[in-house]
Amino acid sequence: MIIGNIHHLQPWLPAALREAIEHVIAQVSEATPLGKHAIDGDNLFYLISEDTTEPQAARRAEYHARYLDIQIVLRGSEG
């Protein structure tokens, strides 16, 4: 897991990850509708959702066999 600030990306981040985050920063605003938004078809996309986070102690670890999951809290706070 990588935890950080999207406005201060670390230089060691892989280029593909950095580019995906920068795309989201450039494209997402308060007016962006909920749902799936393609960057590169089903190869790279982002989901806009309104969720309530849970305390870390209450969450089980998750893994994905097919996708890398990048989660960015746009409003509010985690946990």
N, C-alpha and C. Protein backbone atom coordinates (compact mmCIF):
# COMPACT_ATOMS: atom_id res chain seq x y z
N MET A 1 0.84 -1.17 0.00
CA MET A 1 0.00 0.00 0.00
C MET A 1 0.90 1.24 0.00
N ILE A 2 0.51 2.21 -0.79
CA ILE A 2 1.22 3.49 -0.83
C ILE A 2 0.25 4.54 -0.33
N ILE A 3 0.67 5.31 0.64
CA ILE A 3 -0.16 6.39 1.17
C ILE A 3 0.58 7.68 0.92
N GLY A 4 -0.11 8.69 0.40
CA GLY A 4 0.55 9.95 0.12
C GLY A 4 -0.44 11.04 -0.20
N ASN A 5 0.06 12.11 -0.77
CA ASN A 5 -0.73 13.27 -1.11
C ASN A 5 -0.63 13.48 -2.62
N ILE A 6 -1.78 13.55 -3.30
CA ILE A 6 -1.76 13.68 -4.76
C ILE A 6 -1.16 15.00 -5.23
N HIS A 7 -1.03 15.95 -4.34
CA HIS A 7 -0.45 17.24 -4.71
C HIS A 7 1.06 17.28 -4.46
N HIS A 8 1.59 16.20 -3.91
CA HIS A 8 3.03 16.07 -3.65
C HIS A 8 3.45 14.64 -3.98
N LEU A 9 3.39 14.29 -5.26
CA LEU A 9 3.73 12.93 -5.68
C LEU A 9 5.22 12.67 -5.52
N GLN A 10 5.54 11.50 -5.03
CA GLN A 10 6.93 11.14 -4.78
C GLN A 10 7.64 10.79 -6.09
N PRO A 11 8.91 11.15 -6.23
CA PRO A 11 9.63 10.89 -7.48
C PRO A 11 9.83 9.40 -7.78
N TRP A 12 9.75 8.54 -6.78
CA TRP A 12 9.97 7.11 -7.00
C TRP A 12 8.73 6.38 -7.50
N LEU A 13 7.59 7.06 -7.61
CA LEU A 13 6.39 6.40 -8.12
C LEU A 13 6.61 5.93 -9.55
N PRO A 14 6.15 4.74 -9.90
CA PRO A 14 6.26 4.29 -11.30
C PRO A 14 5.55 5.28 -12.23
N ALA A 15 6.10 5.46 -13.42
CA ALA A 15 5.56 6.45 -14.37
C ALA A 15 4.09 6.21 -14.68
N ALA A 16 3.68 4.96 -14.87
CA ALA A 16 2.28 4.67 -15.20
C ALA A 16 1.34 5.08 -14.07
N LEU A 17 1.76 4.85 -12.83
CA LEU A 17 0.95 5.24 -11.68
C LEU A 17 0.87 6.76 -11.57
N ARG A 18 2.00 7.42 -11.75
CA ARG A 18 2.04 8.89 -11.71
C ARG A 18 1.12 9.47 -12.79
N GLU A 19 1.18 8.93 -14.00
CA GLU A 19 0.35 9.44 -15.10
C GLU A 19 -1.14 9.24 -14.82
N ALA A 20 -1.51 8.11 -14.24
CA ALA A 20 -2.91 7.86 -13.91
C ALA A 20 -3.40 8.87 -12.87
N ILE A 21 -2.61 9.10 -11.84
CA ILE A 21 -2.99 10.06 -10.80
C ILE A 21 -3.07 11.46 -11.38
N GLU A 22 -2.11 11.84 -12.20
CA GLU A 22 -2.13 13.18 -12.81
C GLU A 22 -3.34 13.35 -13.72
N HIS A 23 -3.75 12.29 -14.42
CA HIS A 23 -4.95 12.36 -15.26
C HIS A 23 -6.18 12.64 -14.40
N VAL A 24 -6.31 11.91 -13.30
CA VAL A 24 -7.45 12.12 -12.41
C VAL A 24 -7.44 13.54 -11.86
N ILE A 25 -6.29 14.03 -11.44
CA ILE A 25 -6.19 15.40 -10.92
C ILE A 25 -6.67 16.39 -11.97
N ALA A 26 -6.28 16.20 -13.23
CA ALA A 26 -6.62 17.13 -14.30
C ALA A 26 -8.09 17.04 -14.73
N GLN A 27 -8.69 15.86 -14.62
CA GLN A 27 -10.02 15.65 -15.19
C GLN A 27 -11.17 15.70 -14.20
N VAL A 28 -10.92 15.39 -12.94
CA VAL A 28 -12.01 15.26 -11.97
C VAL A 28 -12.26 16.58 -11.26
N SER A 29 -13.53 16.94 -11.18
CA SER A 29 -13.95 18.14 -10.44
C SER A 29 -15.23 17.81 -9.69
N GLU A 30 -15.75 18.77 -8.96
CA GLU A 30 -17.02 18.59 -8.25
C GLU A 30 -18.14 18.24 -9.21
N ALA A 31 -18.01 18.66 -10.48
CA ALA A 31 -19.06 18.42 -11.47
C ALA A 31 -18.95 17.06 -12.16
N THR A 32 -17.87 16.32 -11.91
CA THR A 32 -17.71 15.01 -12.55
C THR A 32 -18.78 14.06 -12.03
N PRO A 33 -19.55 13.45 -12.93
CA PRO A 33 -20.62 12.57 -12.47
C PRO A 33 -20.10 11.27 -11.86
N LEU A 34 -20.91 10.68 -10.99
CA LEU A 34 -20.58 9.39 -10.42
C LEU A 34 -20.52 8.35 -11.53
N GLY A 35 -19.72 7.33 -11.34
CA GLY A 35 -19.67 6.24 -12.31
C GLY A 35 -18.28 6.00 -12.85
N LYS A 36 -18.23 5.17 -13.89
CA LYS A 36 -16.98 4.74 -14.50
C LYS A 36 -16.58 5.70 -15.61
N HIS A 37 -15.30 6.08 -15.62
CA HIS A 37 -14.76 7.00 -16.62
C HIS A 37 -13.50 6.38 -17.21
N ALA A 38 -13.50 6.14 -18.51
CA ALA A 38 -12.38 5.47 -19.17
C ALA A 38 -11.22 6.44 -19.40
N ILE A 39 -10.02 5.96 -19.18
CA ILE A 39 -8.80 6.64 -19.58
C ILE A 39 -8.24 5.90 -20.80
N ASP A 40 -8.20 4.56 -20.69
CA ASP A 40 -7.75 3.69 -21.78
C ASP A 40 -8.66 2.46 -21.81
N GLY A 41 -9.92 2.69 -22.13
CA GLY A 41 -10.89 1.59 -22.18
C GLY A 41 -10.96 0.85 -20.86
N ASP A 42 -11.01 -0.49 -20.92
CA ASP A 42 -11.04 -1.30 -19.70
C ASP A 42 -9.64 -1.55 -19.14
N ASN A 43 -8.60 -1.07 -19.84
CA ASN A 43 -7.24 -1.21 -19.33
C ASN A 43 -6.95 -0.24 -18.20
N LEU A 44 -7.53 0.96 -18.28
CA LEU A 44 -7.29 1.98 -17.27
C LEU A 44 -8.52 2.87 -17.18
N PHE A 45 -9.11 2.91 -16.02
CA PHE A 45 -10.32 3.71 -15.82
C PHE A 45 -10.40 4.11 -14.36
N TYR A 46 -11.29 5.06 -14.07
CA TYR A 46 -11.52 5.41 -12.68
C TYR A 46 -13.01 5.43 -12.41
N LEU A 47 -13.34 5.19 -11.15
CA LEU A 47 -14.72 5.20 -10.69
C LEU A 47 -14.89 6.35 -9.71
N ILE A 48 -15.89 7.15 -9.93
CA ILE A 48 -16.24 8.20 -8.98
C ILE A 48 -17.40 7.67 -8.15
N SER A 49 -17.25 7.67 -6.84
CA SER A 49 -18.31 7.18 -5.96
C SER A 49 -18.35 8.02 -4.70
N GLU A 50 -19.47 7.95 -4.04
CA GLU A 50 -19.62 8.60 -2.74
C GLU A 50 -19.74 7.49 -1.71
N ASP A 51 -18.72 7.35 -0.89
CA ASP A 51 -18.69 6.27 0.08
C ASP A 51 -18.38 6.81 1.46
N THR A 52 -18.67 6.01 2.45
CA THR A 52 -18.29 6.32 3.82
C THR A 52 -17.15 5.38 4.17
N THR A 53 -16.04 5.94 4.59
CA THR A 53 -14.90 5.10 4.94
C THR A 53 -15.10 4.52 6.33
N GLU A 54 -14.33 3.49 6.63
CA GLU A 54 -14.37 2.83 7.92
C GLU A 54 -13.01 2.96 8.59
N PRO A 55 -12.96 2.87 9.91
CA PRO A 55 -11.65 2.87 10.57
C PRO A 55 -10.80 1.71 10.05
N GLN A 56 -9.51 1.93 9.94
CA GLN A 56 -8.61 0.91 9.39
C GLN A 56 -8.71 -0.39 10.19
N ALA A 57 -8.86 -0.30 11.49
CA ALA A 57 -8.94 -1.50 12.33
C ALA A 57 -10.17 -2.34 12.01
N ALA A 58 -11.20 -1.72 11.45
CA ALA A 58 -12.44 -2.44 11.13
C ALA A 58 -12.41 -3.05 9.73
N ARG A 59 -11.39 -2.74 8.95
CA ARG A 59 -11.33 -3.20 7.55
C ARG A 59 -10.42 -4.41 7.42
N ARG A 60 -10.83 -5.35 6.61
CA ARG A 60 -9.96 -6.47 6.25
C ARG A 60 -9.14 -6.05 5.04
N ALA A 61 -7.97 -6.63 4.91
CA ALA A 61 -7.14 -6.35 3.74
C ALA A 61 -7.87 -6.84 2.50
N GLU A 62 -7.66 -6.15 1.39
CA GLU A 62 -8.29 -6.58 0.15
C GLU A 62 -7.21 -6.76 -0.91
N TYR A 63 -7.50 -7.58 -1.88
CA TYR A 63 -6.59 -7.75 -3.01
C TYR A 63 -7.42 -7.94 -4.26
N HIS A 64 -6.79 -7.69 -5.38
CA HIS A 64 -7.46 -7.81 -6.67
C HIS A 64 -6.58 -8.67 -7.58
N ALA A 65 -7.16 -9.69 -8.17
CA ALA A 65 -6.41 -10.57 -9.04
C ALA A 65 -6.16 -9.94 -10.41
N ARG A 66 -7.04 -9.02 -10.82
CA ARG A 66 -6.96 -8.50 -12.18
C ARG A 66 -6.55 -7.04 -12.24
N TYR A 67 -6.92 -6.24 -11.27
CA TYR A 67 -6.70 -4.80 -11.35
C TYR A 67 -5.84 -4.29 -10.20
N LEU A 68 -5.14 -3.21 -10.47
CA LEU A 68 -4.48 -2.43 -9.43
C LEU A 68 -5.50 -1.39 -9.00
N ASP A 69 -5.65 -1.18 -7.74
CA ASP A 69 -6.69 -0.30 -7.20
C ASP A 69 -6.03 0.96 -6.64
N ILE A 70 -6.30 2.10 -7.25
CA ILE A 70 -5.80 3.38 -6.75
C ILE A 70 -6.99 4.11 -6.15
N GLN A 71 -6.93 4.42 -4.87
CA GLN A 71 -8.04 5.10 -4.21
C GLN A 71 -7.57 6.49 -3.80
N ILE A 72 -8.35 7.49 -4.19
CA ILE A 72 -8.03 8.88 -3.88
C ILE A 72 -9.24 9.50 -3.19
N VAL A 73 -9.05 9.99 -1.99
CA VAL A 73 -10.12 10.67 -1.27
C VAL A 73 -10.14 12.12 -1.76
N LEU A 74 -11.21 12.50 -2.43
CA LEU A 74 -11.30 13.85 -3.00
C LEU A 74 -11.91 14.85 -2.03
N ARG A 75 -12.76 14.36 -1.15
CA ARG A 75 -13.42 15.25 -0.19
C ARG A 75 -13.61 14.46 1.10
N GLY A 76 -13.38 15.09 2.22
CA GLY A 76 -13.50 14.40 3.50
C GLY A 76 -12.17 13.82 3.92
N SER A 77 -12.23 12.77 4.71
CA SER A 77 -11.00 12.14 5.19
C SER A 77 -11.19 10.63 5.26
N GLU A 78 -10.09 9.94 5.24
CA GLU A 78 -10.10 8.48 5.32
C GLU A 78 -10.22 8.07 6.77
N GLY A 79 -11.03 7.03 7.02
CA GLY A 79 -11.13 6.47 8.37
C GLY A 79 -11.97 7.29 9.20
